[in-house]
PDB file of N, CA and C in Angstrom:
ATOM      1  N   MET A   1     -51.512  39.356   2.473  1.00  0.00           N
ATOM      2  CA  MET A   1     -50.529  40.194   2.204  1.00  0.00           C
ATOM      3  C   MET A   1     -50.203  40.130   0.446  1.00  0.00           C
ATOM      4  N   MET A   2     -50.119  38.829   0.227  1.00  0.00           N
ATOM      5  CA  MET A   2     -49.799  38.691  -1.121  1.00  0.00           C
ATOM      6  C   MET A   2     -50.710  38.770  -2.276  1.00  0.00           C
ATOM      7  N   ILE A   3     -52.080  38.742  -1.709  1.00  0.00           N
ATOM      8  CA  ILE A   3     -53.265  39.116  -2.742  1.00  0.00           C
ATOM      9  C   ILE A   3     -53.075  40.724  -2.743  1.00  0.00           C
ATOM     10  N   VAL A   4     -52.807  41.511  -1.759  1.00  0.00           N
ATOM     11  CA  VAL A   4     -52.960  43.207  -1.749  1.00  0.00           C
ATOM     12  C   VAL A   4     -51.804  43.374  -2.733  1.00  0.00           C
ATOM     13  N   PHE A   5     -50.462  42.799  -2.625  1.00  0.00           N
ATOM     14  CA  PHE A   5     -49.319  43.036  -3.563  1.00  0.00           C
ATOM     15  C   PHE A   5     -49.965  42.446  -5.104  1.00  0.00           C
ATOM     16  N   GLY A   6     -50.332  41.333  -5.173  1.00  0.00           N
ATOM     17  CA  GLY A   6     -50.725  41.079  -6.544  1.00  0.00           C
ATOM     18  C   GLY A   6     -51.915  41.990  -7.425  1.00  0.00           C
ATOM     19  N   LEU A   7     -52.745  42.446  -6.348  1.00  0.00           N
ATOM     20  CA  LEU A   7     -53.740  43.424  -6.978  1.00  0.00           C
ATOM     21  C   LEU A   7     -53.123  44.811  -6.997  1.00  0.00           C
ATOM     22  N   THR A   8     -52.179  44.955  -6.431  1.00  0.00           N
ATOM     23  CA  THR A   8     -51.541  46.354  -6.695  1.00  0.00           C
ATOM     24  C   THR A   8     -50.781  46.398  -7.998  1.00  0.00           C
ATOM     25  N   ALA A   9     -50.055  45.238  -8.176  1.00  0.00           N
ATOM     26  CA  ALA A   9     -49.310  44.895  -9.339  1.00  0.00           C
ATOM     27  C   ALA A   9     -50.011  44.990 -10.472  1.00  0.00           C
ATOM     28  N   LEU A  10     -51.178  44.226 -10.499  1.00  0.00           N
ATOM     29  CA  LEU A  10     -52.169  44.062 -11.237  1.00  0.00           C
ATOM     30  C   LEU A  10     -52.887  45.627 -11.912  1.00  0.00           C
ATOM     31  N   PHE A  11     -53.176  46.137 -10.955  1.00  0.00           N
ATOM     32  CA  PHE A  11     -53.873  47.656 -11.169  1.00  0.00           C
ATOM     33  C   PHE A  11     -52.771  48.460 -12.065  1.00  0.00           C
ATOM     34  N   ALA A  12     -51.426  48.422 -11.203  1.00  0.00           N
ATOM     35  CA  ALA A  12     -50.416  49.450 -11.927  1.00  0.00           C
ATOM     36  C   ALA A  12     -49.921  48.915 -13.311  1.00  0.00           C
ATOM     37  N   LEU A  13     -50.049  47.663 -13.545  1.00  0.00           N
ATOM     38  CA  LEU A  13     -49.822  47.120 -14.894  1.00  0.00           C
ATOM     39  C   LEU A  13     -50.937  47.618 -16.001  1.00  0.00           C
ATOM     40  N   ALA A  14     -52.203  47.565 -15.437  1.00  0.00           N
ATOM     41  CA  ALA A  14     -53.377  48.014 -16.107  1.00  0.00           C
ATOM     42  C   ALA A  14     -53.133  49.380 -16.544  1.00  0.00           C
ATOM     43  N   ALA A  15     -52.901  50.365 -15.448  1.00  0.00           N
ATOM     44  CA  ALA A  15     -52.600  51.749 -15.553  1.00  0.00           C
ATOM     45  C   ALA A  15     -51.511  51.946 -16.527  1.00  0.00           C
ATOM     46  N   ILE A  16     -50.379  51.503 -16.484  1.00  0.00           N
ATOM     47  CA  ILE A  16     -49.427  51.691 -17.299  1.00  0.00           C
ATOM     48  C   ILE A  16     -49.645  51.511 -18.629  1.00  0.00           C
ATOM     49  N   THR A  17     -50.372  50.287 -18.890  1.00  0.00           N
ATOM     50  CA  THR A  17     -50.892  49.944 -20.495  1.00  0.00           C
ATOM     51  C   THR A  17     -51.806  50.940 -20.810  1.00  0.00           C
ATOM     52  N   ALA A  18     -52.871  51.128 -20.009  1.00  0.00           N
ATOM     53  CA  ALA A  18     -53.828  52.347 -20.729  1.00  0.00           C
ATOM     54  C   ALA A  18     -52.904  53.569 -21.014  1.00  0.00           C
ATOM     55  N   VAL A  19     -52.291  54.028 -20.164  1.00  0.00           N
ATOM     56  CA  VAL A  19     -51.276  55.204 -20.369  1.00  0.00           C
ATOM     57  C   VAL A  19     -50.759  55.216 -21.567  1.00  0.00           C
ATOM     58  N   SER A  20     -50.012  54.171 -21.759  1.00  0.00           N
ATOM     59  CA  SER A  20     -49.053  53.921 -23.033  1.00  0.00           C
ATOM     60  C   SER A  20     -49.984  53.999 -24.289  1.00  0.00           C
ATOM     61  N   MET A  21     -51.191  53.225 -24.434  1.00  0.00           N
ATOM     62  CA  MET A  21     -51.825  52.960 -25.177  1.00  0.00           C
ATOM     63  C   MET A  21     -52.618  54.520 -25.673  1.00  0.00           C
ATOM     64  N   LEU A  22     -53.001  55.239 -24.775  1.00  0.00           N
ATOM     65  CA  LEU A  22     -53.497  56.583 -24.883  1.00  0.00           C
ATOM     66  C   LEU A  22     -52.343  57.129 -25.651  1.00  0.00           C
ATOM     67  N   GLY A  23     -51.151  57.272 -25.139  1.00  0.00           N
ATOM     68  CA  GLY A  23     -50.096  58.138 -25.735  1.00  0.00           C
ATOM     69  C   GLY A  23     -49.858  57.827 -27.427  1.00  0.00           C
ATOM     70  N   PHE A  24     -49.622  56.271 -27.562  1.00  0.00           N
ATOM     71  CA  PHE A  24     -49.602  55.761 -28.892  1.00  0.00           C
ATOM     72  C   PHE A  24     -50.725  56.418 -29.678  1.00  0.00           C
ATOM     73  N   SER A  25     -51.919  56.345 -29.252  1.00  0.00           N
ATOM     74  CA  SER A  25     -53.116  56.764 -30.074  1.00  0.00           C
ATOM     75  C   SER A  25     -52.879  58.087 -30.598  1.00  0.00           C
ATOM     76  N   ILE A  26     -52.595  58.984 -29.462  1.00  0.00           N
ATOM     77  CA  ILE A  26     -52.457  60.099 -29.930  1.00  0.00           C
ATOM     78  C   ILE A  26     -51.295  60.629 -30.625  1.00  0.00           C
ATOM     79  N   ALA A  27     -50.132  60.052 -30.647  1.00  0.00           N
ATOM     80  CA  ALA A  27     -49.188  60.186 -31.392  1.00  0.00           C
ATOM     81  C   ALA A  27     -49.335  59.887 -33.030  1.00  0.00           C
ATOM     82  N   ALA A  28     -50.166  58.821 -32.913  1.00  0.00           N
ATOM     83  CA  ALA A  28     -50.654  58.373 -34.100  1.00  0.00           C
ATOM     84  C   ALA A  28     -51.775  59.276 -34.930  1.00  0.00           C
ATOM     85  N   ALA A  29     -52.358  60.075 -34.125  1.00  0.00           N
ATOM     86  CA  ALA A  29     -53.391  60.998 -34.526  1.00  0.00           C
ATOM     87  C   ALA A  29     -53.085  62.495 -34.963  1.00  0.00           C
ATOM     88  N   LEU A  30     -51.960  62.598 -34.333  1.00  0.00           N
ATOM     89  CA  LEU A  30     -51.473  64.071 -34.707  1.00  0.00           C
ATOM     90  C   LEU A  30     -51.026  64.389 -36.007  1.00  0.00           C
ATOM     91  N   PRO A  31     -50.344  63.726 -36.740  1.00  0.00           N
ATOM     92  CA  PRO A  31     -50.225  63.642 -38.301  1.00  0.00           C
ATOM     93  C   PRO A  31     -51.390  64.229 -39.028  1.00  0.00           C
ATOM     94  N   HIS A  32     -52.451  63.293 -38.625  1.00  0.00           N
ATOM     95  CA  HIS A  32     -53.775  63.447 -39.525  1.00  0.00           C
ATOM     96  C   HIS A  32     -54.426  64.622 -39.079  1.00  0.00           C
ATOM     97  N   ILE A  33     -54.361  64.904 -37.675  1.00  0.00           N
ATOM     98  CA  ILE A  33     -54.863  66.133 -37.402  1.00  0.00           C
ATOM     99  C   ILE A  33     -54.345  67.465 -37.928  1.00  0.00           C
ATOM    100  N   ALA A  34     -52.949  67.438 -38.113  1.00  0.00           N
ATOM    101  CA  ALA A  34     -52.425  68.574 -38.606  1.00  0.00           C
ATOM    102  C   ALA A  34     -52.582  68.574 -40.336  1.00  0.00           C
ATOM    103  N   ALA A  35     -52.692  67.491 -40.955  1.00  0.00           N
ATOM    104  CA  ALA A  35     -53.289  67.469 -42.358  1.00  0.00           C
ATOM    105  C   ALA A  35     -54.426  67.994 -42.352  1.00  0.00           C
ATOM    106  N   ILE A  36     -55.361  67.607 -41.522  1.00  0.00           N
ATOM    107  CA  ILE A  36     -57.070  68.216 -41.613  1.00  0.00           C
ATOM    108  C   ILE A  36     -56.995  69.833 -41.594  1.00  0.00           C
ATOM    109  N   LYS A  37     -56.308  70.151 -40.519  1.00  0.00           N
ATOM    110  CA  LYS A  37     -56.075  71.744 -40.113  1.00  0.00           C
ATOM    111  C   LYS A  37     -55.387  72.340 -41.342  1.00  0.00           C
ATOM    112  N   ALA A  38     -54.371  71.779 -42.019  1.00  0.00           N
ATOM    113  CA  ALA A  38     -53.863  72.385 -43.038  1.00  0.00           C
ATOM    114  C   ALA A  38     -54.886  72.487 -44.272  1.00  0.00           C
ATOM    115  N   ALA A  39     -55.435  71.342 -44.628  1.00  0.00           N
ATOM    116  CA  ALA A  39     -56.364  71.535 -45.801  1.00  0.00           C
ATOM    117  C   ALA A  39     -57.713  72.440 -45.236  1.00  0.00           C
ATOM    118  N   LEU A  40     -58.186  72.588 -44.128  1.00  0.00           N
ATOM    119  CA  LEU A  40     -58.896  73.647 -44.052  1.00  0.00           C
ATOM    120  C   LEU A  40     -58.535  75.060 -44.358  1.00  0.00           C
ATOM    121  N   ALA A  41     -57.220  75.144 -43.781  1.00  0.00           N
ATOM    122  CA  ALA A  41     -56.785  76.528 -43.496  1.00  0.00           C
ATOM    123  C   ALA A  41     -56.414  76.949 -45.260  1.00  0.00           C
ATOM    124  N   ASN A  42     -56.293  76.087 -45.983  1.00  0.00           N
ATOM    125  CA  ASN A  42     -56.208  76.270 -47.460  1.00  0.00           C
ATOM    126  C   ASN A  42     -57.328  76.339 -48.522  1.00  0.00           C
ATOM    127  N   CYS A  43     -58.320  75.976 -47.661  1.00  0.00           N
ATOM    128  CA  CYS A  43     -59.676  75.797 -48.563  1.00  0.00           C
ATOM    129  C   CYS A  43     -60.003  77.198 -48.676  1.00  0.00           C
ATOM    130  N   PRO A  44     -60.463  77.597 -49.918  1.00  0.00           N
ATOM    131  CA  PRO A  44     -60.858  79.170 -50.327  1.00  0.00           C
ATOM    132  C   PRO A  44     -62.237  79.080 -50.523  1.00  0.00           C
ATOM    133  N   GLN A  45     -62.870  77.920 -50.507  1.00  0.00           N
ATOM    134  CA  GLN A  45     -64.483  77.933 -50.892  1.00  0.00           C
ATOM    135  C   GLN A  45     -65.103  77.951 -49.409  1.00  0.00           C
ATOM    136  N   THR A  46     -65.325  79.045 -49.204  1.00  0.00           N
ATOM    137  CA  THR A  46     -66.168  79.504 -48.055  1.00  0.00           C
ATOM    138  C   THR A  46     -67.580  80.182 -48.185  1.00  0.00           C
ATOM    139  N   ARG A  47     -68.323  80.169 -47.674  1.00  0.00           N
ATOM    140  CA  ARG A  47     -69.911  80.743 -47.912  1.00  0.00           C
ATOM    141  C   ARG A  47     -70.314  81.146 -46.886  1.00  0.00           C
ATOM    142  N   GLU A  48     -70.720  82.397 -46.473  1.00  0.00           N
ATOM    143  CA  GLU A  48     -71.431  82.996 -45.584  1.00  0.00           C
ATOM    144  C   GLU A  48     -72.913  83.149 -45.562  1.00  0.00           C
ATOM    145  N   LEU A  49     -73.857  82.322 -44.907  1.00  0.00           N
ATOM    146  CA  LEU A  49     -75.379  82.694 -45.066  1.00  0.00           C
ATOM    147  C   LEU A  49     -75.696  83.191 -43.968  1.00  0.00           C
ATOM    148  N   ARG A  50     -76.718  84.232 -43.852  1.00  0.00           N
ATOM    149  CA  ARG A  50     -77.330  84.994 -42.989  1.00  0.00           C
ATOM    150  C   ARG A  50     -78.997  84.705 -42.974  1.00  0.00           C
ATOM    151  N   PHE A  51     -79.473  84.839 -41.926  1.00  0.00           N
ATOM    152  CA  PHE A  51     -81.031  84.496 -41.961  1.00  0.00           C
ATOM    153  C   PHE A  51     -81.761  85.249 -40.723  1.00  0.00           C
ATOM    154  N   THR A  52     -83.007  85.757 -40.880  1.00  0.00           N
ATOM    155  CA  THR A  52     -83.513  86.122 -39.892  1.00  0.00           C
ATOM    156  C   THR A  52     -84.904  85.315 -39.587  1.00  0.00           C
ATOM    157  N   VAL A  53     -85.088  84.997 -38.276  1.00  0.00           N
ATOM    158  CA  VAL A  53     -86.268  84.242 -38.193  1.00  0.00           C
ATOM    159  C   VAL A  53     -87.341  85.531 -37.678  1.00  0.00           C
ATOM    160  N   ARG A  54     -88.061  85.667 -38.488  1.00  0.00           N
ATOM    161  CA  ARG A  54     -89.205  86.750 -38.590  1.00  0.00           C
ATOM    162  C   ARG A  54     -90.481  86.363 -37.948  1.00  0.00           C
ATOM    163  N   GLU A  55     -90.897  85.090 -37.920  1.00  0.00           N
ATOM    164  CA  GLU A  55     -92.112  84.689 -36.955  1.00  0.00           C
ATOM    165  C   GLU A  55     -92.122  83.152 -36.585  1.00  0.00           C
ATOM    166  N   ILE A  56     -92.579  82.784 -35.241  1.00  0.00           N
ATOM    167  CA  ILE A  56     -92.516  81.522 -34.893  1.00  0.00           C
ATOM    168  C   ILE A  56     -94.037  81.330 -34.269  1.00  0.00           C
ATOM    169  N   THR A  57     -94.735  80.307 -35.097  1.00  0.00           N
ATOM    170  CA  THR A  57     -95.930  79.922 -34.727  1.00  0.00           C
ATOM    171  C   THR A  57     -96.248  78.573 -33.934  1.00  0.00           C
ATOM    172  N   VAL A  58     -96.593  78.675 -32.881  1.00  0.00           N
ATOM    173  CA  VAL A  58     -96.665  77.641 -31.750  1.00  0.00           C
ATOM    174  C   VAL A  58     -97.912  77.001 -31.752  1.00  0.00           C
ATOM    175  N   SER A  59     -98.434  75.785 -32.169  1.00  0.00           N
ATOM    176  CA  SER A  59     -99.626  75.190 -31.819  1.00  0.00           C
ATOM    177  C   SER A  59     -99.741  74.869 -30.486  1.00  0.00           C
ATOM    178  N   PRO A  60    -100.933  74.634 -30.034  1.00  0.00           N
ATOM    179  CA  PRO A  60    -101.157  74.449 -28.757  1.00  0.00           C
ATOM    180  C   PRO A  60    -101.119  72.696 -28.173  1.00  0.00           C
ATOM    181  N   ARG A  61    -100.739  71.907 -29.290  1.00  0.00           N
ATOM    182  CA  ARG A  61    -100.390  70.520 -29.142  1.00  0.00           C
ATOM    183  C   ARG A  61     -98.738  70.569 -28.518  1.00  0.00           C
ATOM    184  N   HIS A  62     -98.651  70.536 -27.225  1.00  0.00           N
ATOM    185  CA  HIS A  62     -97.204  70.207 -26.582  1.00  0.00           C
ATOM    186  C   HIS A  62     -96.126  71.108 -27.001  1.00  0.00           C
ATOM    187  N   GLY A  63     -96.530  72.112 -27.373  1.00  0.00           N
ATOM    188  CA  GLY A  63     -95.478  73.296 -27.854  1.00  0.00           C
ATOM    189  C   GLY A  63     -94.818  72.846 -29.130  1.00  0.00           C
ATOM    190  N   GLN A  64     -95.293  71.836 -30.132  1.00  0.00           N
ATOM    191  CA  GLN A  64     -94.580  71.775 -31.312  1.00  0.00           C
ATOM    192  C   GLN A  64     -94.620  72.873 -32.267  1.00  0.00           C
ATOM    193  N   VAL A  65     -93.473  73.232 -32.934  1.00  0.00           N
ATOM    194  CA  VAL A  65     -93.459  74.279 -33.915  1.00  0.00           C
ATOM    195  C   VAL A  65     -94.270  73.927 -35.180  1.00  0.00           C
ATOM    196  N   ALA A  66     -95.238  74.744 -35.339  1.00  0.00           N
ATOM    197  CA  ALA A  66     -96.152  74.542 -36.478  1.00  0.00           C
ATOM    198  C   ALA A  66     -95.923  75.078 -37.877  1.00  0.00           C
ATOM    199  N   HIS A  67     -95.097  76.215 -37.816  1.00  0.00           N
ATOM    200  CA  HIS A  67     -94.928  76.974 -39.151  1.00  0.00           C
ATOM    201  C   HIS A  67     -93.726  77.994 -38.642  1.00  0.00           C
ATOM    202  N   LEU A  68     -92.561  77.731 -39.503  1.00  0.00           N
ATOM    203  CA  LEU A  68     -91.503  78.613 -39.201  1.00  0.00           C
ATOM    204  C   LEU A  68     -91.005  78.964 -40.650  1.00  0.00           C
ATOM    205  N   PRO A  69     -91.444  80.149 -41.151  1.00  0.00           N
ATOM    206  CA  PRO A  69     -90.913  80.687 -42.446  1.00  0.00           C
ATOM    207  C   PRO A  69     -89.388  81.236 -42.269  1.00  0.00           C
ATOM    208  N   VAL A  70     -88.393  80.425 -43.069  1.00  0.00           N
ATOM    209  CA  VAL A  70     -87.112  80.815 -42.915  1.00  0.00           C
ATOM    210  C   VAL A  70     -86.865  81.361 -44.315  1.00  0.00           C
ATOM    211  N   ARG A  71     -86.588  82.641 -44.519  1.00  0.00           N
ATOM    212  CA  ARG A  71     -86.129  83.073 -45.984  1.00  0.00           C
ATOM    213  C   ARG A  71     -84.739  83.411 -45.957  1.00  0.00           C
ATOM    214  N   ILE A  72     -83.966  82.469 -46.741  1.00  0.00           N
ATOM    215  CA  ILE A  72     -82.585  82.950 -46.671  1.00  0.00           C
ATOM    216  C   ILE A  72     -82.039  83.798 -47.945  1.00  0.00           C
ATOM    217  N   LYS A  73     -81.512  84.926 -47.259  1.00  0.00           N
ATOM    218  CA  LYS A  73     -81.107  85.842 -48.677  1.00  0.00           C
ATOM    219  C   LYS A  73     -79.730  85.863 -48.855  1.00  0.00           C
ATOM    220  N   PRO A  74     -79.247  85.236 -50.201  1.00  0.00           N
ATOM    221  CA  PRO A  74     -77.919  85.120 -50.413  1.00  0.00           C
ATOM    222  C   PRO A  74     -77.212  86.687 -50.093  1.00  0.00           C
ATOM    223  N   LEU A  75     -75.947  86.509 -49.698  1.00  0.00           N
ATOM    224  CA  LEU A  75     -75.205  87.868 -49.668  1.00  0.00           C
ATOM    225  C   LEU A  75     -74.834  88.243 -51.279  1.00  0.00           C
ATOM    226  N   ALA A  76     -74.671  89.620 -51.557  1.00  0.00           N
ATOM    227  CA  ALA A  76     -74.201  89.748 -52.775  1.00  0.00           C
ATOM    228  C   ALA A  76     -72.772  89.586 -53.047  1.00  0.00           C
ATOM    229  N   ALA A  77     -72.539  89.128 -54.085  1.00  0.00           N
ATOM    230  CA  ALA A  77     -71.125  88.958 -54.552  1.00  0.00           C
ATOM    231  C   ALA A  77     -69.986  89.839 -54.559  1.00  0.00           C
ATOM    232  N   PRO A  78     -68.826  90.054 -53.951  1.00  0.00           N
ATOM    233  CA  PRO A  78     -68.214  90.928 -53.976  1.00  0.00           C
ATOM    234  C   PRO A  78     -67.606  91.521 -55.418  1.00  0.00           C
ATOM    235  N   ARG A  79     -67.563  92.718 -55.476  1.00  0.00           N
ATOM    236  CA  ARG A  79     -67.291  93.360 -56.910  1.00  0.00           C
ATOM    237  C   ARG A  79     -65.954  93.009 -57.325  1.00  0.00           C
ATOM    238  N   PRO A  80     -65.782  92.691 -58.327  1.00  0.00           N
ATOM    239  CA  PRO A  80     -64.220  92.362 -59.278  1.00  0.00           C
ATOM    240  C   PRO A  80     -63.744  93.526 -59.131  1.00  0.00           C
ATOM    241  N   LEU A  81     -62.136  93.318 -59.142  1.00  0.00           N
ATOM    242  CA  LEU A  81     -61.485  94.409 -59.209  1.00  0.00           C
ATOM    243  C   LEU A  81     -61.232  94.750 -60.557  1.00  0.00           C
ATOM    244  N   ARG A  82     -61.059  95.989 -60.976  1.00  0.00           N
ATOM    245  CA  ARG A  82     -60.839  96.546 -62.286  1.00  0.00           C
ATOM    246  C   ARG A  82     -59.532  96.414 -62.746  1.00  0.00           C
ATOM    247  N   ALA A  83     -59.314  96.123 -64.195  1.00  0.00           N
ATOM    248  CA  ALA A  83     -57.864  95.709 -64.542  1.00  0.00           C
ATOM    249  C   ALA A  83     -57.227  96.923 -64.454  1.00  0.00           C
ATOM    250  N   ALA A  84     -55.626  96.862 -64.416  1.00  0.00           N
ATOM    251  CA  ALA A  84     -54.925  97.749 -64.514  1.00  0.00           C
ATOM    252  C   ALA A  84     -54.939  98.539 -65.608  1.00  0.00           C
ATOM    253  N   ALA A  85     -54.760 100.131 -65.700  1.00  0.00           N
ATOM    254  CA  ALA A  85     -54.711 100.695 -66.960  1.00  0.00           C
ATOM    255  C   ALA A  85     -53.506 100.533 -67.922  1.00  0.00           C
TER     256      ALA A  85
END
């Protein structure tokens, strides 16, 4: 009976310790996550690239891709606004 009580107490203590450490880790990480999200939201330097796969050539050796010509065409820059008259 004492072994059952001892093991139950040990597992309960381990569970409480694990949950509390997880809570402390999350609480410590939340300010860093918020800072990263704010930095990403304020970052104006974004670039959009589009590409189209026109041809895929497969060699008979185990289905390895032999040749994949990918041509990336940059998007045209938006026109600047005119100065006020």
